[in-house]
Amino acid sequence: MSQTYNIYCDESCYLEHDNQKVMALGSVWCPLDQTSNIILDIRQLKKDFGLSPFFEIKWTKVSPAKITFYQAVIEYFFDNENLHFRALVVPDKTILNHAEFQQTHDDWYYKMYFDMLKVILSPYDHYRIYLDIKDTRGGIKVHKLQDVLCNNMYDFSKEIIEHIQIIRSHEVEIMQMADLMIGAVSAFNRGQPHSIAKQNLINLIRRRSGYSLIRTTLLRELKTNIFIWHPREDL
């Protein structure tokens, strides 16, 4: 029996010239019929820790004052069998030679998005993909990404990938969780952050997942799936 999933995607340092070597794309996904329950659970967590239900969970907001709350969010992710995470990490995007492959940085960006998502997608299920707003080109990205994904899956009638939509992360808690997880993975691949609170959170993810976060996991890993991409593995 087919299932419908919501996939919430976020990205870190994806621009070509942003003075950052490491780029990360990632997503948190769950069954559509569990989405409302998960959102309500996370809002209850916020309430339990004395936070407003409108408080935005975000990697850049991790601090000693709120570390116990953020730890509770990570524990909830690992304790909930309906939540899954996948990240694609590019250790050094500055060494890429796009001209050699007759592509632009944007062309390569969509290939990376496909590589990140293809492990999640099954031709027997249905998907609704949500992207966080990053810049004014969001609408163009949505149409391009849907074309790339559908063409690669021969989903020309868009029955597998039902739609791709831009949302604001502060409106959906699962998107906020994606920001947190991707932030942690990308920060650790850049080297330990100076913040003790962020180091503690990274260590918690490493312990609960059983993975280093800097090495590729097995392809079929469903809970915490990491892919460290290198140029020789592309094309």
Foldseek 3Di string as FASTA:
>chain_A
DAFEKEKAKEWDPLDLPPPDFKIKIKIKMFTPVCQVVVLVVLLVLCVVVVHHSLDFQAQVPQAPVCLVSLLVVLVVLLVDPGIAMWMEMELGSNPDDQVVVPHDSVVVSLVVVCVRCVLVFDPRYAYEYEYEDDDPCVVVVQVVNVVVNCVVVVVPVRRRHVGYYYDHRSVGRSNSVNNNVRSLLRCVSVPPDPHPSSNVSNVSNCVSVVHPSNDADDSNDTHYGYHYDDPVVPD
